[in-house]
Each structure stands twice: as structure tokens, then as C-alpha cells.
Amino acid sequence: MFAIHDENGYAESVEGIEMKTLVYGDKTLLVRFKMTKGALLPSHTHPHEQTGYLVSGRINLYIGSECSNAGPGDSWCVESGVAHRAEVLEDSVAIEVFSPVREDYLPGT
């Protein structure tokens, strides 16, 4: 599967955070998140392992009991079932991989 970059097709997941699934296979799914300064991603868990990379901006990322002030080039991994949340300090872009595939993030769902 290939995907050509296109700024269309984003959906708001929570206020101030838009997401777009880029590509996916049988075991992984790749998502681009655009986050607006001041947005809050509430604490949540899911059965998917989540690995991320901050392309631009700055966020406070809370994973379990740890907090990291992430900037461009920083990365993280959230294990399955671990609570995590984020505070968006600057307009930011993150790329994240989910495994197994998040069926709720598949196009058309």
C-alpha cells in the first residue's frame, strides 16, 4: 500500500486534535496527528501498542506515572493498556504507529 501526501481527509478526534490514517497492513497502522496549541488529549487506555515520533511542535506527554516534555525528533512507546494523555504546548504534528491495527481508525469507520 502506498499513500501520496494530501492535506485533506483529517477528522477531529478530540477538540484541537485532528487525525488521518496514512497506511495500514495486517499488523500495523500509521496515523498523522495535527494538534493545536492548548489542546488536551484526555487520559485513556487501549489494547494497542502505540509508538510515536514528534515531527514538529512541543507537547507534554504523560505515560503511566512518567511525564516528558517532547520536542521535534523525540519519540515514545506506550505499551498496551497503559494510561496516557497529552497537553499540546505548541501547534504540533506527530506520527504514530498502532499494533495491532486500530479498526476504529480504518478509513470509512
N, C-alpha and C. Protein backbone atom coordinates (compact mmCIF):
# COMPACT_ATOMS: atom_id res chain seq x y z
N MET A 1 0.85 -1.17 0.00
CA MET A 1 0.00 0.00 0.00
C MET A 1 0.90 1.24 0.00
N PHE A 2 0.58 2.19 -0.85
CA PHE A 2 1.27 3.47 -0.89
C PHE A 2 0.25 4.57 -0.60
N ALA A 3 0.73 5.69 -0.05
CA ALA A 3 -0.12 6.86 0.16
C ALA A 3 0.65 8.09 -0.28
N ILE A 4 0.02 8.92 -1.06
CA ILE A 4 0.61 10.18 -1.50
C ILE A 4 0.15 11.27 -0.53
N HIS A 5 1.07 12.12 -0.10
CA HIS A 5 0.73 13.17 0.88
C HIS A 5 -0.40 14.04 0.36
N ASP A 6 -1.36 14.27 1.23
CA ASP A 6 -2.53 15.08 0.90
C ASP A 6 -3.02 15.69 2.20
N GLU A 7 -3.23 16.99 2.24
CA GLU A 7 -3.68 17.67 3.47
C GLU A 7 -5.17 17.49 3.73
N ASN A 8 -5.88 16.82 2.85
CA ASN A 8 -7.31 16.58 3.04
C ASN A 8 -7.53 15.27 3.79
N GLY A 9 -8.74 15.09 4.30
CA GLY A 9 -9.12 13.82 4.89
C GLY A 9 -8.89 13.68 6.37
N TYR A 10 -8.61 14.76 7.09
CA TYR A 10 -8.42 14.71 8.53
C TYR A 10 -9.77 14.71 9.24
N ALA A 11 -9.83 14.06 10.37
CA ALA A 11 -11.03 14.05 11.21
C ALA A 11 -10.62 14.47 12.61
N GLU A 12 -11.48 15.24 13.28
CA GLU A 12 -11.18 15.68 14.64
C GLU A 12 -11.45 14.52 15.60
N SER A 13 -10.41 14.11 16.36
CA SER A 13 -10.59 13.03 17.33
C SER A 13 -11.04 13.59 18.67
N VAL A 14 -10.45 14.68 19.11
CA VAL A 14 -10.91 15.48 20.25
C VAL A 14 -10.68 16.93 19.86
N GLU A 15 -11.27 17.85 20.59
CA GLU A 15 -11.15 19.25 20.23
C GLU A 15 -9.68 19.66 20.12
N GLY A 16 -9.31 20.19 18.95
CA GLY A 16 -7.96 20.68 18.73
C GLY A 16 -6.98 19.62 18.25
N ILE A 17 -7.45 18.39 18.07
CA ILE A 17 -6.57 17.31 17.59
C ILE A 17 -7.25 16.62 16.41
N GLU A 18 -6.59 16.69 15.24
CA GLU A 18 -7.10 16.05 14.04
C GLU A 18 -6.19 14.88 13.69
N MET A 19 -6.78 13.85 13.12
CA MET A 19 -6.01 12.67 12.76
C MET A 19 -6.36 12.19 11.36
N LYS A 20 -5.39 11.52 10.75
CA LYS A 20 -5.60 10.94 9.43
C LYS A 20 -4.79 9.64 9.36
N THR A 21 -5.46 8.54 9.06
CA THR A 21 -4.75 7.29 8.83
C THR A 21 -4.05 7.38 7.49
N LEU A 22 -2.75 7.11 7.49
CA LEU A 22 -1.96 7.22 6.26
C LEU A 22 -1.93 5.89 5.51
N VAL A 23 -1.45 4.84 6.17
CA VAL A 23 -1.41 3.50 5.58
C VAL A 23 -1.61 2.48 6.69
N TYR A 24 -1.95 1.26 6.28
CA TYR A 24 -2.12 0.19 7.26
C TYR A 24 -1.93 -1.15 6.57
N GLY A 25 -1.60 -2.14 7.37
CA GLY A 25 -1.44 -3.50 6.87
C GLY A 25 -2.19 -4.45 7.77
N ASP A 26 -1.75 -5.69 7.82
CA ASP A 26 -2.41 -6.69 8.66
C ASP A 26 -2.09 -6.49 10.14
N LYS A 27 -0.91 -5.92 10.47
CA LYS A 27 -0.47 -5.84 11.86
C LYS A 27 -0.21 -4.44 12.38
N THR A 28 -0.07 -3.45 11.49
CA THR A 28 0.23 -2.09 11.94
C THR A 28 -0.61 -1.07 11.19
N LEU A 29 -0.73 0.11 11.81
CA LEU A 29 -1.49 1.22 11.23
C LEU A 29 -0.72 2.50 11.52
N LEU A 30 -0.52 3.36 10.52
CA LEU A 30 0.24 4.60 10.65
C LEU A 30 -0.69 5.80 10.56
N VAL A 31 -0.61 6.69 11.56
CA VAL A 31 -1.52 7.84 11.66
C VAL A 31 -0.72 9.13 11.81
N ARG A 32 -1.22 10.20 11.19
CA ARG A 32 -0.64 11.53 11.37
C ARG A 32 -1.63 12.35 12.20
N PHE A 33 -1.13 12.97 13.26
CA PHE A 33 -1.94 13.82 14.12
C PHE A 33 -1.49 15.27 13.99
N LYS A 34 -2.45 16.18 13.76
CA LYS A 34 -2.19 17.62 13.80
C LYS A 34 -2.86 18.14 15.06
N MET A 35 -2.06 18.79 15.91
CA MET A 35 -2.55 19.21 17.23
C MET A 35 -2.37 20.73 17.38
N THR A 36 -3.41 21.37 17.89
CA THR A 36 -3.42 22.82 18.07
C THR A 36 -3.00 23.17 19.49
N LYS A 37 -2.18 24.21 19.60
CA LYS A 37 -1.73 24.70 20.90
C LYS A 37 -2.93 24.81 21.85
N GLY A 38 -2.77 24.28 23.07
CA GLY A 38 -3.82 24.34 24.09
C GLY A 38 -4.72 23.12 24.12
N ALA A 39 -4.65 22.26 23.11
CA ALA A 39 -5.49 21.06 23.09
C ALA A 39 -5.04 20.09 24.18
N LEU A 40 -6.00 19.34 24.69
CA LEU A 40 -5.74 18.34 25.72
C LEU A 40 -6.24 16.98 25.24
N LEU A 41 -5.36 16.00 25.24
CA LEU A 41 -5.77 14.63 24.97
C LEU A 41 -6.03 14.00 26.33
N PRO A 42 -7.28 13.65 26.63
CA PRO A 42 -7.59 13.11 27.97
C PRO A 42 -6.94 11.74 28.19
N SER A 43 -6.76 11.41 29.45
CA SER A 43 -6.18 10.13 29.81
C SER A 43 -7.06 9.00 29.28
N HIS A 44 -6.41 8.01 28.69
CA HIS A 44 -7.14 6.87 28.14
C HIS A 44 -6.20 5.68 28.01
N THR A 45 -6.78 4.52 27.80
CA THR A 45 -6.02 3.30 27.53
C THR A 45 -6.66 2.59 26.34
N HIS A 46 -5.90 1.71 25.73
CA HIS A 46 -6.41 0.85 24.67
C HIS A 46 -5.50 -0.36 24.57
N PRO A 47 -5.96 -1.41 23.92
CA PRO A 47 -5.17 -2.64 23.86
C PRO A 47 -4.03 -2.60 22.84
N HIS A 48 -3.87 -1.47 22.15
CA HIS A 48 -2.86 -1.36 21.10
C HIS A 48 -1.55 -0.80 21.65
N GLU A 49 -0.41 -1.35 21.21
CA GLU A 49 0.86 -0.70 21.46
C GLU A 49 0.92 0.50 20.53
N GLN A 50 1.47 1.61 21.03
CA GLN A 50 1.47 2.87 20.28
C GLN A 50 2.88 3.45 20.32
N THR A 51 3.49 3.60 19.15
CA THR A 51 4.83 4.15 19.05
C THR A 51 4.73 5.46 18.27
N GLY A 52 5.33 6.53 18.80
CA GLY A 52 5.17 7.83 18.16
C GLY A 52 6.46 8.59 17.97
N TYR A 53 6.38 9.59 17.10
CA TYR A 53 7.50 10.47 16.75
C TYR A 53 6.94 11.88 16.58
N LEU A 54 7.51 12.85 17.28
CA LEU A 54 7.04 14.23 17.16
C LEU A 54 7.81 14.92 16.02
N VAL A 55 7.10 15.26 14.97
CA VAL A 55 7.69 15.90 13.80
C VAL A 55 7.98 17.37 14.09
N SER A 56 7.00 18.06 14.71
CA SER A 56 7.16 19.49 14.98
C SER A 56 6.34 19.86 16.20
N GLY A 57 6.70 20.98 16.83
CA GLY A 57 5.96 21.49 17.97
C GLY A 57 6.52 21.02 19.30
N ARG A 58 5.67 21.11 20.33
CA ARG A 58 6.08 20.69 21.68
C ARG A 58 4.84 20.24 22.43
N ILE A 59 4.96 19.10 23.12
CA ILE A 59 3.86 18.57 23.93
C ILE A 59 4.40 18.05 25.25
N ASN A 60 3.56 18.06 26.27
CA ASN A 60 3.82 17.29 27.48
C ASN A 60 3.08 15.98 27.30
N LEU A 61 3.82 14.88 27.34
CA LEU A 61 3.25 13.56 27.15
C LEU A 61 3.38 12.78 28.45
N TYR A 62 2.27 12.29 28.95
CA TYR A 62 2.22 11.52 30.19
C TYR A 62 1.94 10.07 29.83
N ILE A 63 2.85 9.18 30.23
CA ILE A 63 2.69 7.74 30.01
C ILE A 63 2.81 7.08 31.37
N GLY A 64 1.71 6.49 31.83
CA GLY A 64 1.71 5.95 33.19
C GLY A 64 2.00 7.06 34.17
N SER A 65 3.01 6.89 35.02
CA SER A 65 3.36 7.91 36.01
C SER A 65 4.48 8.83 35.53
N GLU A 66 4.94 8.67 34.29
CA GLU A 66 6.04 9.48 33.75
C GLU A 66 5.52 10.61 32.87
N CYS A 67 6.25 11.74 32.88
CA CYS A 67 5.94 12.87 32.01
C CYS A 67 7.19 13.26 31.24
N SER A 68 7.02 13.56 29.96
CA SER A 68 8.13 14.02 29.14
C SER A 68 7.67 15.26 28.38
N ASN A 69 8.55 16.27 28.37
CA ASN A 69 8.32 17.46 27.56
C ASN A 69 8.96 17.16 26.20
N ALA A 70 8.13 16.72 25.25
CA ALA A 70 8.64 16.25 23.96
C ALA A 70 8.73 17.39 22.96
N GLY A 71 9.81 17.38 22.18
CA GLY A 71 10.03 18.34 21.12
C GLY A 71 10.33 17.62 19.82
N PRO A 72 10.56 18.37 18.75
CA PRO A 72 10.80 17.77 17.44
C PRO A 72 11.92 16.73 17.49
N GLY A 73 11.64 15.56 16.92
CA GLY A 73 12.62 14.48 16.89
C GLY A 73 12.51 13.50 18.03
N ASP A 74 11.73 13.84 19.07
CA ASP A 74 11.56 12.92 20.20
C ASP A 74 10.55 11.83 19.84
N SER A 75 10.70 10.68 20.49
CA SER A 75 9.81 9.55 20.21
C SER A 75 9.44 8.85 21.51
N TRP A 76 8.44 7.98 21.41
CA TRP A 76 7.91 7.30 22.60
C TRP A 76 7.25 5.99 22.21
N CYS A 77 7.01 5.17 23.22
CA CYS A 77 6.25 3.94 23.04
C CYS A 77 5.33 3.77 24.24
N VAL A 78 4.06 3.59 23.98
CA VAL A 78 3.06 3.35 25.01
C VAL A 78 2.66 1.89 24.92
N GLU A 79 2.93 1.14 25.98
CA GLU A 79 2.57 -0.28 25.97
C GLU A 79 1.05 -0.45 26.04
N SER A 80 0.59 -1.57 25.58
CA SER A 80 -0.82 -1.92 25.62
C SER A 80 -1.37 -1.78 27.03
N GLY A 81 -2.53 -1.11 27.16
CA GLY A 81 -3.22 -1.00 28.44
C GLY A 81 -2.69 0.05 29.39
N VAL A 82 -1.66 0.82 29.01
CA VAL A 82 -1.09 1.83 29.89
C VAL A 82 -1.80 3.18 29.66
N ALA A 83 -2.22 3.82 30.74
CA ALA A 83 -2.90 5.12 30.64
C ALA A 83 -1.90 6.17 30.11
N HIS A 84 -2.39 7.03 29.22
CA HIS A 84 -1.56 8.11 28.69
C HIS A 84 -2.45 9.29 28.30
N ARG A 85 -1.83 10.47 28.30
CA ARG A 85 -2.53 11.70 27.95
C ARG A 85 -1.51 12.71 27.46
N ALA A 86 -1.97 13.83 26.91
CA ALA A 86 -1.05 14.84 26.40
C ALA A 86 -1.63 16.24 26.55
N GLU A 87 -0.71 17.19 26.73
CA GLU A 87 -1.02 18.63 26.71
C GLU A 87 -0.23 19.22 25.55
N VAL A 88 -0.89 19.89 24.63
CA VAL A 88 -0.23 20.44 23.45
C VAL A 88 0.22 21.87 23.78
N LEU A 89 1.54 22.07 23.83
CA LEU A 89 2.12 23.36 24.22
C LEU A 89 2.32 24.29 23.05
N GLU A 90 2.50 23.74 21.85
CA GLU A 90 2.65 24.50 20.60
C GLU A 90 1.92 23.72 19.51
N ASP A 91 1.51 24.39 18.44
CA ASP A 91 0.97 23.64 17.30
C ASP A 91 1.97 22.54 16.97
N SER A 92 1.49 21.31 16.82
CA SER A 92 2.39 20.16 16.70
C SER A 92 1.87 19.16 15.67
N VAL A 93 2.80 18.35 15.17
CA VAL A 93 2.48 17.23 14.29
C VAL A 93 3.20 16.00 14.82
N ALA A 94 2.47 14.91 14.97
CA ALA A 94 3.04 13.63 15.41
C ALA A 94 2.65 12.53 14.44
N ILE A 95 3.54 11.57 14.29
CA ILE A 95 3.28 10.37 13.50
C ILE A 95 3.29 9.21 14.48
N GLU A 96 2.26 8.35 14.43
CA GLU A 96 2.18 7.23 15.37
C GLU A 96 1.81 5.93 14.65
N VAL A 97 2.38 4.85 15.17
CA VAL A 97 2.10 3.50 14.68
C VAL A 97 1.34 2.76 15.77
N PHE A 98 0.28 2.07 15.39
CA PHE A 98 -0.51 1.26 16.32
C PHE A 98 -0.44 -0.20 15.90
N SER A 99 -0.27 -1.07 16.89
CA SER A 99 -0.28 -2.51 16.64
C SER A 99 -0.96 -3.21 17.81
N PRO A 100 -1.92 -4.08 17.56
CA PRO A 100 -2.46 -4.41 16.25
C PRO A 100 -3.20 -3.22 15.65
N VAL A 101 -3.68 -3.40 14.44
CA VAL A 101 -4.40 -2.33 13.73
C VAL A 101 -5.59 -1.86 14.56
N ARG A 102 -5.74 -0.55 14.70
CA ARG A 102 -6.93 0.02 15.34
C ARG A 102 -8.04 0.06 14.31
N GLU A 103 -8.99 -0.82 14.46
CA GLU A 103 -10.07 -0.89 13.47
C GLU A 103 -10.91 0.38 13.47
N ASP A 104 -10.99 1.09 14.62
CA ASP A 104 -11.74 2.35 14.67
C ASP A 104 -11.03 3.47 13.92
N TYR A 105 -9.75 3.28 13.51
CA TYR A 105 -9.01 4.27 12.76
C TYR A 105 -8.94 3.94 11.27
N LEU A 106 -9.53 2.83 10.86
CA LEU A 106 -9.51 2.49 9.43
C LEU A 106 -10.40 3.45 8.66
N PRO A 107 -9.98 3.84 7.46
CA PRO A 107 -10.80 4.75 6.65
C PRO A 107 -12.21 4.18 6.46
N GLY A 108 -13.20 5.06 6.58
CA GLY A 108 -14.58 4.67 6.37
C GLY A 108 -15.28 4.14 7.61
N THR A 109 -14.56 4.14 8.77
CA THR A 109 -15.21 3.67 10.01
C THR A 109 -15.49 4.83 10.94
